[in-house]
């Protein structure tokens, strides 16, 4: 595993802490994300995590000037595993004269609407420690787990929605839109990228990722 660090993060203190942890790091100009963790795990599967790090003050400022939305959209579009780190130990709701519900609303939107996990850290040392844990976790092999949770039997409608929701970038709302447009699961599987893009909120990149999952040859990890 290797951690790429944007050159603007050199003075954050995180770089030196990662070096102390023995992490393989490289400073470069990153057009997207502040930190990128990349490499193969013990099963040989390529892993890439894009991390946006913000101090508490910068996070609130990014809500006010709306930077955070665009940054997270780009982060999610370019990384299979996007992550937001909010760093600081102050009371987030008292840093500026900004309504607490606006902050709560944004945190909720990030987690639910954009589906980007959020990690809160106390300081740069804590941020580095979390990144170290992520690197170590990815390096470990994982035993095979069933992707299906044990729960009560699904109705036919729920089974159809469940199958479509498993496709890249597809949540409950998009699954229903796809099923309503194409009529059944088979028609969605057979749809071209152009046809998939006719559904609202499915762009070229998402349509391409869906087709890859549906058409690429399965290769078992060894």
C-alpha atoms as a PDB file:
ATOM      1  CA  UNK A   1       0.000   0.000   0.000  1.00  0.00           C
ATOM      2  CA  UNK A   2       1.106   3.543  -0.758  1.00  0.00           C
ATOM      3  CA  UNK A   3      -0.287   6.893   0.357  1.00  0.00           C
ATOM      4  CA  UNK A   4      -0.109   9.811  -2.058  1.00  0.00           C
ATOM      5  CA  UNK A   5      -0.314  13.198  -0.359  1.00  0.00           C
ATOM      6  CA  UNK A   6      -1.194  16.459  -2.052  1.00  0.00           C
ATOM      7  CA  UNK A   7       1.669  18.968  -1.772  1.00  0.00           C
ATOM      8  CA  UNK A   8      -0.678  21.461  -0.077  1.00  0.00           C
ATOM      9  CA  UNK A   9      -0.946  19.056   2.855  1.00  0.00           C
ATOM     10  CA  UNK A  10       2.800  19.117   3.676  1.00  0.00           C
ATOM     11  CA  UNK A  11       2.336  21.581   6.542  1.00  0.00           C
ATOM     12  CA  UNK A  12      -0.664  19.823   8.060  1.00  0.00           C
ATOM     13  CA  UNK A  13       1.500  17.618  10.284  1.00  0.00           C
ATOM     14  CA  UNK A  14      -0.119  14.461   8.905  1.00  0.00           C
ATOM     15  CA  UNK A  15       2.811  13.729   6.574  1.00  0.00           C
ATOM     16  CA  UNK A  16       5.413  13.468   9.344  1.00  0.00           C
ATOM     17  CA  UNK A  17       3.087  11.358  11.468  1.00  0.00           C
ATOM     18  CA  UNK A  18       2.505   8.909   8.598  1.00  0.00           C
ATOM     19  CA  UNK A  19       6.261   8.591   8.130  1.00  0.00           C
ATOM     20  CA  UNK A  20       6.589   7.804  11.854  1.00  0.00           C
ATOM     21  CA  UNK A  21       4.013   5.034  11.353  1.00  0.00           C
ATOM     22  CA  UNK A  22       6.242   3.579   8.636  1.00  0.00           C
ATOM     23  CA  UNK A  23       3.770   4.289   5.847  1.00  0.00           C
ATOM     24  CA  UNK A  24       5.090   4.461   2.279  1.00  0.00           C
ATOM     25  CA  UNK A  25       4.227   8.047   1.262  1.00  0.00           C
ATOM     26  CA  UNK A  26       4.760  10.239  -1.797  1.00  0.00           C
ATOM     27  CA  UNK A  27       4.044  13.952  -2.142  1.00  0.00           C
ATOM     28  CA  UNK A  28       2.613  15.088  -5.470  1.00  0.00           C
ATOM     29  CA  UNK A  29       0.067  17.465  -6.961  1.00  0.00           C
ATOM     30  CA  UNK A  30      -3.304  15.756  -6.657  1.00  0.00           C
ATOM     31  CA  UNK A  31      -6.104  17.222  -8.789  1.00  0.00           C
ATOM     32  CA  UNK A  32      -8.649  15.301  -6.701  1.00  0.00           C
ATOM     33  CA  UNK A  33      -8.509  14.441  -2.962  1.00  0.00           C
ATOM     34  CA  UNK A  34      -5.919  15.329  -0.326  1.00  0.00           C
ATOM     35  CA  UNK A  35      -4.778  11.746   0.251  1.00  0.00           C
ATOM     36  CA  UNK A  36      -4.996   8.678  -1.968  1.00  0.00           C
ATOM     37  CA  UNK A  37      -4.363   5.196  -0.586  1.00  0.00           C
ATOM     38  CA  UNK A  38      -3.564   2.753  -3.364  1.00  0.00           C
ATOM     39  CA  UNK A  39      -2.231  -0.776  -3.759  1.00  0.00           C
ATOM     40  CA  UNK A  40      -3.146  -4.455  -3.867  1.00  0.00           C
ATOM     41  CA  UNK A  41      -4.401  -6.377  -0.878  1.00  0.00           C
ATOM     42  CA  UNK A  42      -3.300  -9.934  -0.057  1.00  0.00           C
ATOM     43  CA  UNK A  43      -5.848 -11.330  -2.526  1.00  0.00           C
ATOM     44  CA  UNK A  44      -4.252  -9.243  -5.280  1.00  0.00           C
ATOM     45  CA  UNK A  45      -7.282  -6.968  -5.622  1.00  0.00           C
ATOM     46  CA  UNK A  46      -6.478  -3.352  -6.463  1.00  0.00           C
ATOM     47  CA  UNK A  47      -7.712  -0.892  -3.840  1.00  0.00           C
ATOM     48  CA  UNK A  48      -7.937   2.889  -4.109  1.00  0.00           C
ATOM     49  CA  UNK A  49      -9.342   5.245  -1.494  1.00  0.00           C
ATOM     50  CA  UNK A  50      -9.695   8.990  -2.020  1.00  0.00           C
ATOM     51  CA  UNK A  51      -9.698  11.074   1.155  1.00  0.00           C
ATOM     52  CA  UNK A  52     -10.786  14.694   1.478  1.00  0.00           C
ATOM     53  CA  UNK A  53      -9.439  16.175   4.734  1.00  0.00           C
ATOM     54  CA  UNK A  54     -10.937  19.315   6.220  1.00  0.00           C
ATOM     55  CA  UNK A  55     -10.396  21.118   9.475  1.00  0.00           C
ATOM     56  CA  UNK A  56     -13.646  21.975  11.240  1.00  0.00           C
ATOM     57  CA  UNK A  57     -13.355  25.640  10.208  1.00  0.00           C
ATOM     58  CA  UNK A  58     -12.659  24.777   6.581  1.00  0.00           C
ATOM     59  CA  UNK A  59     -15.580  22.347   6.588  1.00  0.00           C
ATOM     60  CA  UNK A  60     -18.005  25.063   7.701  1.00  0.00           C
ATOM     61  CA  UNK A  61     -16.537  27.547   5.214  1.00  0.00           C
ATOM     62  CA  UNK A  62     -16.943  24.967   2.451  1.00  0.00           C
ATOM     63  CA  UNK A  63     -20.640  24.637   3.336  1.00  0.00           C
ATOM     64  CA  UNK A  64     -21.091  28.398   3.106  1.00  0.00           C
ATOM     65  CA  UNK A  65     -19.355  28.758  -0.266  1.00  0.00           C
ATOM     66  CA  UNK A  66     -20.741  25.391  -1.490  1.00  0.00           C
ATOM     67  CA  UNK A  67     -17.270  23.953  -2.269  1.00  0.00           C
ATOM     68  CA  UNK A  68     -17.962  20.797  -0.315  1.00  0.00           C
ATOM     69  CA  UNK A  69     -20.705  19.593  -2.663  1.00  0.00           C
ATOM     70  CA  UNK A  70     -18.589  19.796  -5.815  1.00  0.00           C
ATOM     71  CA  UNK A  71     -15.571  18.283  -4.056  1.00  0.00           C
ATOM     72  CA  UNK A  72     -17.538  15.272  -2.845  1.00  0.00           C
ATOM     73  CA  UNK A  73     -19.242  14.722  -6.195  1.00  0.00           C
ATOM     74  CA  UNK A  74     -15.859  14.620  -7.946  1.00  0.00           C
ATOM     75  CA  UNK A  75     -14.417  12.438  -5.169  1.00  0.00           C
ATOM     76  CA  UNK A  76     -17.241   9.907  -5.484  1.00  0.00           C
ATOM     77  CA  UNK A  77     -17.043   9.874  -9.287  1.00  0.00           C
ATOM     78  CA  UNK A  78     -13.322   9.066  -9.269  1.00  0.00           C
ATOM     79  CA  UNK A  79     -12.883   6.693  -6.340  1.00  0.00           C
ATOM     80  CA  UNK A  80     -14.585   3.430  -5.471  1.00  0.00           C
ATOM     81  CA  UNK A  81     -13.997   4.274  -1.806  1.00  0.00           C
ATOM     82  CA  UNK A  82     -14.412   8.019  -1.083  1.00  0.00           C
ATOM     83  CA  UNK A  83     -13.916   9.278   2.473  1.00  0.00           C
ATOM     84  CA  UNK A  84     -14.265  12.621   4.258  1.00  0.00           C
ATOM     85  CA  UNK A  85     -12.181  13.387   7.345  1.00  0.00           C
ATOM     86  CA  UNK A  86     -13.237  16.340   9.513  1.00  0.00           C
ATOM     87  CA  UNK A  87     -10.414  17.276  11.852  1.00  0.00           C
ATOM     88  CA  UNK A  88     -10.712  19.202  15.110  1.00  0.00           C
ATOM     89  CA  UNK A  89     -11.917  18.889  18.700  1.00  0.00           C
ATOM     90  CA  UNK A  90     -13.927  22.130  19.037  1.00  0.00           C
ATOM     91  CA  UNK A  91     -17.690  22.305  19.140  1.00  0.00           C
ATOM     92  CA  UNK A  92     -18.484  22.299  15.425  1.00  0.00           C
ATOM     93  CA  UNK A  93     -21.728  24.211  15.970  1.00  0.00           C
ATOM     94  CA  UNK A  94     -20.116  27.125  17.794  1.00  0.00           C
ATOM     95  CA  UNK A  95     -17.188  27.942  15.514  1.00  0.00           C
ATOM     96  CA  UNK A  96     -19.094  30.503  13.463  1.00  0.00           C
ATOM     97  CA  UNK A  97     -22.400  32.347  13.539  1.00  0.00           C
ATOM     98  CA  UNK A  98     -23.955  29.654  11.372  1.00  0.00           C
ATOM     99  CA  UNK A  99     -27.212  27.854  12.109  1.00  0.00           C
ATOM    100  CA  UNK A 100     -26.548  24.391  13.613  1.00  0.00           C
ATOM    101  CA  UNK A 101     -29.294  22.832  11.507  1.00  0.00           C
ATOM    102  CA  UNK A 102     -27.443  23.849   8.341  1.00  0.00           C
ATOM    103  CA  UNK A 103     -24.420  21.902   9.587  1.00  0.00           C
ATOM    104  CA  UNK A 104     -26.543  18.932  10.645  1.00  0.00           C
ATOM    105  CA  UNK A 105     -28.302  18.989   7.287  1.00  0.00           C
ATOM    106  CA  UNK A 106     -25.016  18.916   5.391  1.00  0.00           C
ATOM    107  CA  UNK A 107     -23.593  16.095   7.503  1.00  0.00           C
ATOM    108  CA  UNK A 108     -26.779  14.103   6.929  1.00  0.00           C
ATOM    109  CA  UNK A 109     -26.732  14.829   3.190  1.00  0.00           C
ATOM    110  CA  UNK A 110     -23.099  13.735   2.871  1.00  0.00           C
ATOM    111  CA  UNK A 111     -23.810  10.430   4.620  1.00  0.00           C
ATOM    112  CA  UNK A 112     -27.189   9.631   3.034  1.00  0.00           C
ATOM    113  CA  UNK A 113     -27.503  11.496  -0.288  1.00  0.00           C
ATOM    114  CA  UNK A 114     -23.869  11.326  -1.405  1.00  0.00           C
ATOM    115  CA  UNK A 115     -23.077   8.168   0.591  1.00  0.00           C
ATOM    116  CA  UNK A 116     -19.592   9.339   1.550  1.00  0.00           C
ATOM    117  CA  UNK A 117     -18.429   8.033   4.956  1.00  0.00           C
ATOM    118  CA  UNK A 118     -17.323  10.677   7.476  1.00  0.00           C
ATOM    119  CA  UNK A 119     -14.570  10.203  10.069  1.00  0.00           C
ATOM    120  CA  UNK A 120     -14.123  12.810  12.818  1.00  0.00           C
ATOM    121  CA  UNK A 121     -10.581  13.139  14.172  1.00  0.00           C
ATOM    122  CA  UNK A 122      -9.226  15.218  17.073  1.00  0.00           C
ATOM    123  CA  UNK A 123      -6.063  16.566  15.405  1.00  0.00           C
ATOM    124  CA  UNK A 124      -3.448  15.813  12.740  1.00  0.00           C
ATOM    125  CA  UNK A 125      -1.980  12.985  14.834  1.00  0.00           C
ATOM    126  CA  UNK A 126      -5.389  11.363  15.103  1.00  0.00           C
ATOM    127  CA  UNK A 127      -5.934  11.833  11.348  1.00  0.00           C
ATOM    128  CA  UNK A 128      -2.621  10.099  10.603  1.00  0.00           C
ATOM    129  CA  UNK A 129      -3.488   7.298  13.031  1.00  0.00           C
ATOM    130  CA  UNK A 130      -6.813   6.722  11.236  1.00  0.00           C
ATOM    131  CA  UNK A 131      -5.102   6.639   7.833  1.00  0.00           C
ATOM    132  CA  UNK A 132      -2.586   4.161   9.249  1.00  0.00           C
ATOM    133  CA  UNK A 133      -5.420   1.915  10.458  1.00  0.00           C
ATOM    134  CA  UNK A 134      -7.069   2.093   7.010  1.00  0.00           C
ATOM    135  CA  UNK A 135      -3.807   1.083   5.312  1.00  0.00           C
ATOM    136  CA  UNK A 136      -3.250  -1.829   7.714  1.00  0.00           C
ATOM    137  CA  UNK A 137      -6.846  -2.981   7.316  1.00  0.00           C
ATOM    138  CA  UNK A 138      -6.603  -3.044   3.532  1.00  0.00           C
ATOM    139  CA  UNK A 139      -3.343  -4.989   3.687  1.00  0.00           C
ATOM    140  CA  UNK A 140      -4.986  -7.827   5.611  1.00  0.00           C
ATOM    141  CA  UNK A 141      -6.694 -10.674   3.782  1.00  0.00           C
ATOM    142  CA  UNK A 142     -10.391 -11.033   4.384  1.00  0.00           C
ATOM    143  CA  UNK A 143     -12.323 -14.259   4.607  1.00  0.00           C
ATOM    144  CA  UNK A 144     -15.035 -14.693   2.052  1.00  0.00           C
ATOM    145  CA  UNK A 145     -18.416 -13.429   3.197  1.00  0.00           C
ATOM    146  CA  UNK A 146     -21.820 -13.815   1.622  1.00  0.00           C
ATOM    147  CA  UNK A 147     -23.020 -10.584   0.045  1.00  0.00           C
ATOM    148  CA  UNK A 148     -26.560 -11.477   1.012  1.00  0.00           C
ATOM    149  CA  UNK A 149     -27.734 -10.620   4.506  1.00  0.00           C
ATOM    150  CA  UNK A 150     -29.894 -13.046   6.420  1.00  0.00           C
ATOM    151  CA  UNK A 151     -33.360 -11.565   6.582  1.00  0.00           C
ATOM    152  CA  UNK A 152     -36.976 -12.468   5.944  1.00  0.00           C
ATOM    153  CA  UNK A 153     -37.795 -13.599   2.378  1.00  0.00           C
ATOM    154  CA  UNK A 154     -38.200 -10.749  -0.109  1.00  0.00           C
ATOM    155  CA  UNK A 155     -41.254 -10.189  -2.252  1.00  0.00           C
ATOM    156  CA  UNK A 156     -40.751 -10.444  -6.031  1.00  0.00           C
ATOM    157  CA  UNK A 157     -40.764  -6.623  -6.287  1.00  0.00           C
ATOM    158  CA  UNK A 158     -38.182  -6.337  -3.497  1.00  0.00           C
ATOM    159  CA  UNK A 159     -35.980  -8.993  -5.106  1.00  0.00           C
ATOM    160  CA  UNK A 160     -35.988  -7.061  -8.394  1.00  0.00           C
ATOM    161  CA  UNK A 161     -35.118  -3.816  -6.621  1.00  0.00           C
ATOM    162  CA  UNK A 162     -32.426  -5.601  -4.581  1.00  0.00           C
ATOM    163  CA  UNK A 163     -30.698  -6.910  -7.712  1.00  0.00           C
ATOM    164  CA  UNK A 164     -30.656  -3.509  -9.413  1.00  0.00           C
ATOM    165  CA  UNK A 165     -29.537  -1.681  -6.234  1.00  0.00           C
ATOM    166  CA  UNK A 166     -26.422  -3.881  -6.215  1.00  0.00           C
ATOM    167  CA  UNK A 167     -25.198  -2.211  -9.426  1.00  0.00           C
ATOM    168  CA  UNK A 168     -22.543   0.572  -9.124  1.00  0.00           C
ATOM    169  CA  UNK A 169     -23.941   3.890  -7.954  1.00  0.00           C
ATOM    170  CA  UNK A 170     -27.525   2.653  -7.860  1.00  0.00           C
ATOM    171  CA  UNK A 171     -29.592   3.332  -4.755  1.00  0.00           C
ATOM    172  CA  UNK A 172     -33.286   2.659  -4.067  1.00  0.00           C
ATOM    173  CA  UNK A 173     -34.557   5.653  -6.046  1.00  0.00           C
ATOM    174  CA  UNK A 174     -32.515   4.930  -9.178  1.00  0.00           C
ATOM    175  CA  UNK A 175     -33.384   1.229  -8.978  1.00  0.00           C
ATOM    176  CA  UNK A 176     -37.089   2.088  -9.113  1.00  0.00           C
ATOM    177  CA  UNK A 177     -36.529   4.531 -11.989  1.00  0.00           C
ATOM    178  CA  UNK A 178     -34.666   1.877 -13.978  1.00  0.00           C
ATOM    179  CA  UNK A 179     -37.284  -0.802 -13.346  1.00  0.00           C
ATOM    180  CA  UNK A 180     -40.123   1.558 -14.226  1.00  0.00           C
ATOM    181  CA  UNK A 181     -38.426   2.529 -17.495  1.00  0.00           C
ATOM    182  CA  UNK A 182     -37.257  -0.897 -18.682  1.00  0.00           C
ATOM    183  CA  UNK A 183     -39.959  -3.046 -17.082  1.00  0.00           C
ATOM    184  CA  UNK A 184     -37.811  -5.878 -15.722  1.00  0.00           C
ATOM    185  CA  UNK A 185     -34.303  -6.871 -14.680  1.00  0.00           C
ATOM    186  CA  UNK A 186     -33.484  -8.632 -17.963  1.00  0.00           C
ATOM    187  CA  UNK A 187     -34.244  -5.504 -19.993  1.00  0.00           C
ATOM    188  CA  UNK A 188     -31.904  -3.447 -17.786  1.00  0.00           C
ATOM    189  CA  UNK A 189     -29.136  -6.029 -18.200  1.00  0.00           C
ATOM    190  CA  UNK A 190     -29.564  -5.950 -21.987  1.00  0.00           C
ATOM    191  CA  UNK A 191     -29.794  -2.139 -22.223  1.00  0.00           C
ATOM    192  CA  UNK A 192     -26.982  -0.247 -23.948  1.00  0.00           C
ATOM    193  CA  UNK A 193     -25.009   2.499 -22.224  1.00  0.00           C
ATOM    194  CA  UNK A 194     -26.900   5.115 -24.250  1.00  0.00           C
ATOM    195  CA  UNK A 195     -30.230   3.635 -23.178  1.00  0.00           C
ATOM    196  CA  UNK A 196     -29.168   3.604 -19.524  1.00  0.00           C
ATOM    197  CA  UNK A 197     -28.221   7.279 -19.776  1.00  0.00           C
ATOM    198  CA  UNK A 198     -31.816   8.103 -20.698  1.00  0.00           C
ATOM    199  CA  UNK A 199     -32.645   7.601 -17.016  1.00  0.00           C
ATOM    200  CA  UNK A 200     -32.284  10.731 -14.896  1.00  0.00           C
ATOM    201  CA  UNK A 201     -29.027  10.913 -12.845  1.00  0.00           C
ATOM    202  CA  UNK A 202     -27.294   8.165 -14.844  1.00  0.00           C
ATOM    203  CA  UNK A 203     -24.402   9.744 -16.728  1.00  0.00           C
ATOM    204  CA  UNK A 204     -21.824   8.289 -19.077  1.00  0.00           C
ATOM    205  CA  UNK A 205     -19.437   7.183 -16.286  1.00  0.00           C
ATOM    206  CA  UNK A 206     -22.130   5.467 -14.217  1.00  0.00           C
ATOM    207  CA  UNK A 207     -23.602   3.746 -17.300  1.00  0.00           C
ATOM    208  CA  UNK A 208     -20.131   2.474 -18.233  1.00  0.00           C
ATOM    209  CA  UNK A 209     -19.515   1.087 -14.710  1.00  0.00           C
ATOM    210  CA  UNK A 210     -22.884  -0.695 -14.771  1.00  0.00           C
ATOM    211  CA  UNK A 211     -22.118  -2.327 -18.121  1.00  0.00           C
ATOM    212  CA  UNK A 212     -18.691  -3.435 -16.874  1.00  0.00           C
ATOM    213  CA  UNK A 213     -20.279  -5.283 -13.961  1.00  0.00           C
ATOM    214  CA  UNK A 214     -22.863  -6.888 -16.232  1.00  0.00           C
ATOM    215  CA  UNK A 215     -20.609  -7.883 -19.146  1.00  0.00           C
ATOM    216  CA  UNK A 216     -16.982  -8.322 -17.988  1.00  0.00           C
ATOM    217  CA  UNK A 217     -15.686 -11.868 -17.576  1.00  0.00           C
ATOM    218  CA  UNK A 218     -15.617 -13.023 -13.949  1.00  0.00           C
ATOM    219  CA  UNK A 219     -12.087 -13.669 -12.707  1.00  0.00           C
ATOM    220  CA  UNK A 220     -11.716 -15.439  -9.375  1.00  0.00           C
ATOM    221  CA  UNK A 221      -9.053 -14.020  -7.047  1.00  0.00           C
ATOM    222  CA  UNK A 222      -6.228 -16.423  -6.301  1.00  0.00           C
END
